[in-house]
Amino acid sequence: MSSLDHLVLATPDLAATVAEITRLTGTRPVPGGVHPGLGTRNFLLGLGEGGYLEIIGPDPEQGDPEAPRPFGIDGLSEARIATWAVRVDGIEAAVAASREAGYDPGEPHAMSRRTPNGQQLSWQLTLDVARGQTGLVPFLIDWGEAAHPSVNLPVVPLVSLEAVHPHPERIEPHLAAVGAKLPVKAGNRPSLVATVFGATGLVVLH
């Protein structure tokens, strides 16, 4: 099975959401970096066991990008867990295996950003433009030889991650195809729910 790489907490107001996560968990996320051309930047918080929380929102120092910002950010009125990622070694083979199992995760794309200390970080991920890079089925990410972003992050341990969907039986085969393990409960609206253990106790993010 593929392992959790990170959760994507998308927000229309990055500064406000970082402040709220700090208040809820008692731990302040650290700056991640800027995504040139996408109009976004992020902050990061470790989740333990090599996973992390990415808080991503509009970068006030960039103008409006030519294309919509990823993860449905432009249409959000409040922060929400938009999707998640699983880490793979050899993304081309992982994509081929998923397609063979009946689910197309999208084409791999190379991306990069510069960290606050000036390090260039490069990776490959699958982008599903048709679904706006959102949803319960994770995208695949391959960091290659790059140092993983979770290294040296302050940690708020992830206690659980689960999904809600009106028809779990429609989602479960897709999760299995990408090698992801995620409990899916029946509910009215598709959503991801993460519980972390902060300084103040359990905190639920969705």
Protein backbone atom coordinates (compact mmCIF):
# COMPACT_ATOMS: atom_id res chain seq x y z
CA MET A 1 0.00 0.00 0.00
CA SER A 2 1.11 3.56 -0.68
CA SER A 3 1.79 5.72 2.37
CA LEU A 4 0.29 9.08 3.23
CA ASP A 5 2.49 11.89 1.96
CA HIS A 6 0.42 14.94 2.88
CA LEU A 7 -3.02 16.44 3.38
CA VAL A 8 -3.97 19.54 1.40
CA LEU A 9 -5.80 22.16 3.46
CA ALA A 10 -6.85 24.74 0.86
CA THR A 11 -7.90 28.19 1.98
CA PRO A 12 -8.95 31.53 0.49
CA ASP A 13 -7.06 33.36 3.28
CA LEU A 14 -3.69 31.83 4.06
CA ALA A 15 -2.72 34.08 6.96
CA ALA A 16 -6.05 33.61 8.72
CA THR A 17 -5.96 29.83 8.35
CA VAL A 18 -2.38 29.58 9.60
CA ALA A 19 -3.41 31.62 12.64
CA GLU A 20 -6.42 29.38 13.23
CA ILE A 21 -4.41 26.15 12.95
CA THR A 22 -1.90 27.63 15.39
CA ARG A 23 -4.70 28.46 17.83
CA LEU A 24 -6.35 25.05 17.51
CA THR A 25 -3.21 22.91 17.77
CA GLY A 26 -0.90 25.08 19.82
CA THR A 27 1.76 24.64 17.12
CA ARG A 28 2.57 27.19 14.44
CA PRO A 29 3.02 25.90 10.86
CA VAL A 30 6.25 26.96 9.17
CA PRO A 31 6.60 28.65 5.77
CA GLY A 32 6.98 26.16 2.95
CA GLY A 33 7.52 28.22 -0.17
CA VAL A 34 6.05 29.99 -3.17
CA HIS A 35 4.58 28.36 -6.30
CA PRO A 36 5.54 30.79 -9.10
CA GLY A 37 2.88 31.17 -11.77
CA LEU A 38 0.22 29.36 -9.73
CA GLY A 39 -0.52 32.33 -7.50
CA THR A 40 -0.09 30.30 -4.31
CA ARG A 41 2.24 29.72 -1.38
CA ASN A 42 2.09 27.25 1.50
CA PHE A 43 2.81 26.60 5.16
CA LEU A 44 3.63 23.15 6.55
CA LEU A 45 3.02 21.20 9.74
CA GLY A 46 4.30 17.68 10.38
CA LEU A 47 1.83 14.87 11.03
CA GLY A 48 4.34 12.22 12.11
CA GLU A 49 5.53 9.09 10.28
CA GLY A 50 6.74 11.07 7.29
CA GLY A 51 3.44 12.84 6.60
CA TYR A 52 2.61 16.52 6.74
CA LEU A 53 -0.21 19.04 6.47
CA GLU A 54 0.07 21.53 3.62
CA ILE A 55 -1.87 24.74 4.13
CA ILE A 56 -2.10 26.38 0.71
CA GLY A 57 -3.73 29.62 -0.35
CA PRO A 58 -3.35 32.74 -2.49
CA ASP A 59 0.05 34.42 -2.43
CA PRO A 60 -0.56 38.16 -1.96
CA GLU A 61 2.82 38.92 -3.53
CA GLN A 62 1.85 37.30 -6.85
CA GLY A 63 -0.66 38.69 -9.28
CA ASP A 64 -3.66 36.65 -10.38
CA PRO A 65 -2.44 33.57 -12.30
CA GLU A 66 -3.49 32.89 -15.88
CA ALA A 67 -5.24 29.66 -14.89
CA PRO A 68 -7.38 29.01 -11.80
CA ARG A 69 -5.40 28.31 -8.64
CA PRO A 70 -5.15 24.58 -7.79
CA PHE A 71 -7.37 22.72 -5.32
CA GLY A 72 -10.41 24.91 -6.04
CA ILE A 73 -8.93 27.76 -4.00
CA ASP A 74 -10.57 30.52 -6.03
CA GLY A 75 -14.06 29.18 -5.27
CA LEU A 76 -13.60 28.67 -1.53
CA SER A 77 -15.28 30.76 1.16
CA GLU A 78 -13.52 28.91 4.00
CA ALA A 79 -10.66 26.48 4.52
CA ARG A 80 -11.25 22.80 3.79
CA ILE A 81 -9.25 19.61 3.23
CA ALA A 82 -9.42 19.53 -0.56
CA THR A 83 -7.56 16.28 -1.15
CA TRP A 84 -4.51 14.29 -0.11
CA ALA A 85 -1.43 12.70 -1.61
CA VAL A 86 0.23 9.31 -1.36
CA ARG A 87 3.97 8.89 -1.83
CA VAL A 88 5.26 6.52 -4.52
CA ASP A 89 8.67 5.53 -5.81
CA GLY A 90 8.60 5.54 -9.60
CA ILE A 91 5.53 7.54 -10.55
CA GLU A 92 5.30 6.31 -14.15
CA ALA A 93 5.01 2.70 -12.98
CA ALA A 94 2.51 3.67 -10.27
CA VAL A 95 0.32 5.47 -12.81
CA ALA A 96 0.45 2.47 -15.16
CA ALA A 97 -0.50 0.10 -12.33
CA SER A 98 -3.43 2.29 -11.31
CA ARG A 99 -4.72 2.47 -14.89
CA GLU A 100 -4.40 -1.30 -15.17
CA ALA A 101 -6.55 -1.56 -12.02
CA GLY A 102 -9.24 0.64 -13.57
CA TYR A 103 -8.51 4.17 -12.36
CA ASP A 104 -6.64 6.93 -14.20
CA PRO A 105 -4.94 9.26 -11.68
CA GLY A 106 -3.84 11.67 -14.40
CA GLU A 107 -0.56 12.42 -16.11
CA PRO A 108 2.61 12.96 -14.07
CA HIS A 109 3.93 16.52 -14.09
CA ALA A 110 7.22 17.94 -12.86
CA MET A 111 7.01 20.80 -10.36
CA SER A 112 9.38 22.76 -8.14
CA ARG A 113 9.52 25.52 -5.57
CA ARG A 114 12.21 27.34 -3.64
CA THR A 115 12.20 26.88 0.12
CA PRO A 116 12.64 29.88 2.48
CA ASN A 117 16.31 28.93 2.93
CA GLY A 118 16.88 29.03 -0.83
CA GLN A 119 16.87 25.30 -1.54
CA GLN A 120 15.30 24.24 -4.84
CA LEU A 121 12.79 21.45 -4.23
CA SER A 122 11.63 19.34 -7.19
CA TRP A 123 9.06 16.56 -7.46
CA GLN A 124 6.59 14.85 -9.77
CA LEU A 125 2.87 14.50 -9.16
CA THR A 126 -0.27 13.46 -10.99
CA LEU A 127 -2.57 16.32 -11.93
CA ASP A 128 -6.21 15.56 -12.58
CA VAL A 129 -7.36 18.81 -14.17
CA ALA A 130 -10.86 17.46 -14.88
CA ARG A 131 -11.53 17.13 -11.16
CA GLY A 132 -9.72 20.34 -10.27
CA GLN A 133 -7.12 18.46 -8.21
CA THR A 134 -9.67 17.85 -5.49
CA GLY A 135 -11.46 14.78 -4.17
CA LEU A 136 -11.27 11.77 -1.91
CA VAL A 137 -8.96 9.75 -4.16
CA PRO A 138 -5.39 10.95 -3.55
CA PHE A 139 -2.99 12.14 -6.16
CA LEU A 140 0.39 10.44 -6.48
CA ILE A 141 3.64 12.21 -5.64
CA ASP A 142 7.25 11.15 -6.19
CA TRP A 143 9.98 13.19 -4.51
CA GLY A 144 12.80 11.34 -6.22
CA GLU A 145 16.11 12.27 -4.60
CA ALA A 146 14.78 15.45 -2.97
CA ALA A 147 14.74 15.86 0.79
CA HIS A 148 11.18 15.28 1.97
CA PRO A 149 9.35 18.40 3.21
CA SER A 150 8.33 16.65 6.45
CA VAL A 151 11.94 16.59 7.68
CA ASN A 152 12.44 18.86 10.71
CA LEU A 153 8.85 20.14 10.76
CA PRO A 154 7.08 20.75 14.07
CA VAL A 155 4.75 17.78 14.56
CA VAL A 156 1.08 17.53 15.47
CA PRO A 157 0.44 13.76 15.27
CA LEU A 158 -2.26 12.51 12.90
CA VAL A 159 -4.69 10.32 14.85
CA SER A 160 -7.03 9.36 11.99
CA LEU A 161 -8.04 10.17 8.43
CA GLU A 162 -11.37 9.12 6.98
CA ALA A 163 -13.69 10.05 4.15
CA VAL A 164 -17.42 10.58 3.76
CA HIS A 165 -19.25 9.92 0.48
CA PRO A 166 -22.90 9.29 -0.52
CA HIS A 167 -21.81 6.09 -2.29
CA PRO A 168 -18.66 4.61 -0.70
CA GLU A 169 -18.76 1.65 -3.08
CA ARG A 170 -17.99 4.00 -5.98
CA ILE A 171 -14.87 5.39 -4.33
CA GLU A 172 -13.34 2.30 -2.74
CA PRO A 173 -12.19 0.65 -6.02
CA HIS A 174 -10.40 3.86 -7.02
CA LEU A 175 -8.64 4.04 -3.67
CA ALA A 176 -7.54 0.44 -4.04
CA ALA A 177 -6.25 1.13 -7.58
CA VAL A 178 -3.80 3.78 -6.34
CA GLY A 179 -2.83 1.67 -3.34
CA ALA A 180 -4.43 3.99 -0.79
CA LYS A 181 -5.95 2.84 2.47
CA LEU A 182 -8.79 5.11 3.64
CA PRO A 183 -12.00 4.31 5.54
CA VAL A 184 -15.05 5.67 3.67
CA LYS A 185 -18.32 6.21 5.52
CA ALA A 186 -21.70 6.92 3.96
CA GLY A 187 -22.78 10.54 4.24
CA ASN A 188 -24.49 13.36 2.39
CA ARG A 189 -21.50 15.28 1.08
CA PRO A 190 -18.07 14.06 -0.03
CA SER A 191 -15.44 15.21 2.45
CA LEU A 192 -12.18 14.28 4.13
CA VAL A 193 -11.93 14.40 7.92
CA ALA A 194 -8.59 14.41 9.72
CA THR A 195 -8.11 14.26 13.48
CA VAL A 196 -4.81 15.46 14.94
CA PHE A 197 -3.53 15.59 18.49
CA GLY A 198 -2.50 19.09 19.44
CA ALA A 199 -1.40 20.78 22.63
CA THR A 200 -5.05 21.37 23.50
CA GLY A 201 -6.14 17.79 22.72
CA LEU A 202 -7.90 16.33 19.69
CA VAL A 203 -8.55 18.70 16.78
CA VAL A 204 -10.82 17.77 13.84
CA LEU A 205 -10.06 19.26 10.43
CA HIS A 206 -12.34 18.85 7.43
